[in-house]
Amino acid sequence: MEYVAVILPSLVVGLLFWFAMKAIFNADKAERQAEARAQAEADSHPGQPTDRPGSESK
C-alpha cells in the first residue's frame, strides 16, 4: 500500500498537467480555425473595404 501513497501524487500532478495541456491545445486549435474562417470570409469579398484603423479614404 505504501507504493500507492508514493506514486499517487505524481500521477495526480501528471493528470492535471495533461488536462491543462489538452485544454490549451484545443483552445489554440479552435482559435486557428476561427482565424482561418475569418480570413477565408475576408478573401471571398475582395471589393469591400476593410475596417482597419487609420485607413480612412479621403
Protein backbone atom coordinates (compact mmCIF):
# COMPACT_ATOMS: atom_id res chain seq x y z
CA MET A 1 0.00 0.00 0.00
CA GLU A 2 2.91 2.38 0.55
CA TYR A 3 3.68 2.14 -3.18
CA VAL A 4 0.31 3.71 -3.96
CA ALA A 5 0.92 6.51 -1.46
CA VAL A 6 4.27 7.23 -3.09
CA ILE A 7 3.15 7.17 -6.74
CA LEU A 8 -0.32 8.76 -6.34
CA PRO A 9 0.81 12.42 -6.02
CA SER A 10 2.92 12.13 -9.16
CA LEU A 11 0.03 10.56 -11.08
CA VAL A 12 -2.38 13.29 -9.96
CA VAL A 13 0.03 16.06 -10.95
CA GLY A 14 0.67 14.31 -14.27
CA LEU A 15 -3.05 14.05 -14.99
CA LEU A 16 -3.61 17.71 -14.10
CA PHE A 17 -0.79 18.70 -16.43
CA TRP A 18 -2.22 16.52 -19.20
CA PHE A 19 -5.70 18.06 -18.86
CA ALA A 20 -4.26 21.58 -18.81
CA MET A 21 -2.16 20.98 -21.92
CA LYS A 22 -5.11 19.36 -23.71
CA ALA A 23 -7.28 22.39 -22.92
CA ILE A 24 -4.58 24.76 -24.17
CA PHE A 25 -4.09 22.86 -27.42
CA ASN A 26 -7.85 22.61 -28.02
CA ALA A 27 -8.25 26.36 -27.45
CA ASP A 28 -5.37 27.05 -29.84
CA LYS A 29 -6.90 24.77 -32.47
CA ALA A 30 -10.28 26.50 -32.16
CA GLU A 31 -8.62 29.92 -32.43
CA ARG A 32 -6.73 28.87 -35.56
CA GLN A 33 -9.93 27.55 -37.14
CA ALA A 34 -11.79 30.77 -36.34
CA GLU A 35 -8.93 32.82 -37.81
CA ALA A 36 -8.95 30.68 -40.95
CA ARG A 37 -12.72 31.12 -41.33
CA ALA A 38 -12.42 34.89 -40.87
CA GLN A 39 -9.56 35.06 -43.39
CA ALA A 40 -11.50 32.96 -45.91
CA GLU A 41 -14.53 35.21 -45.49
CA ALA A 42 -12.39 38.32 -45.94
CA ASP A 43 -10.78 36.85 -49.06
CA SER A 44 -14.17 35.98 -50.56
CA HIS A 45 -15.22 39.66 -50.56
CA PRO A 46 -12.29 41.47 -52.22
CA GLY A 47 -14.31 44.51 -53.35
CA GLN A 48 -15.44 45.56 -49.90
CA PRO A 49 -13.26 47.91 -47.87
CA THR A 50 -11.74 46.58 -44.70
CA ASP A 51 -12.31 48.29 -41.37
CA ARG A 52 -8.76 48.99 -40.35
CA PRO A 53 -7.77 51.81 -38.01
CA GLY A 54 -6.14 54.67 -39.85
CA SER A 55 -7.37 53.61 -43.29
CA GLU A 56 -9.86 56.40 -43.91
CA SER A 57 -10.29 57.18 -47.59
CA LYS A 58 -10.05 60.89 -48.47
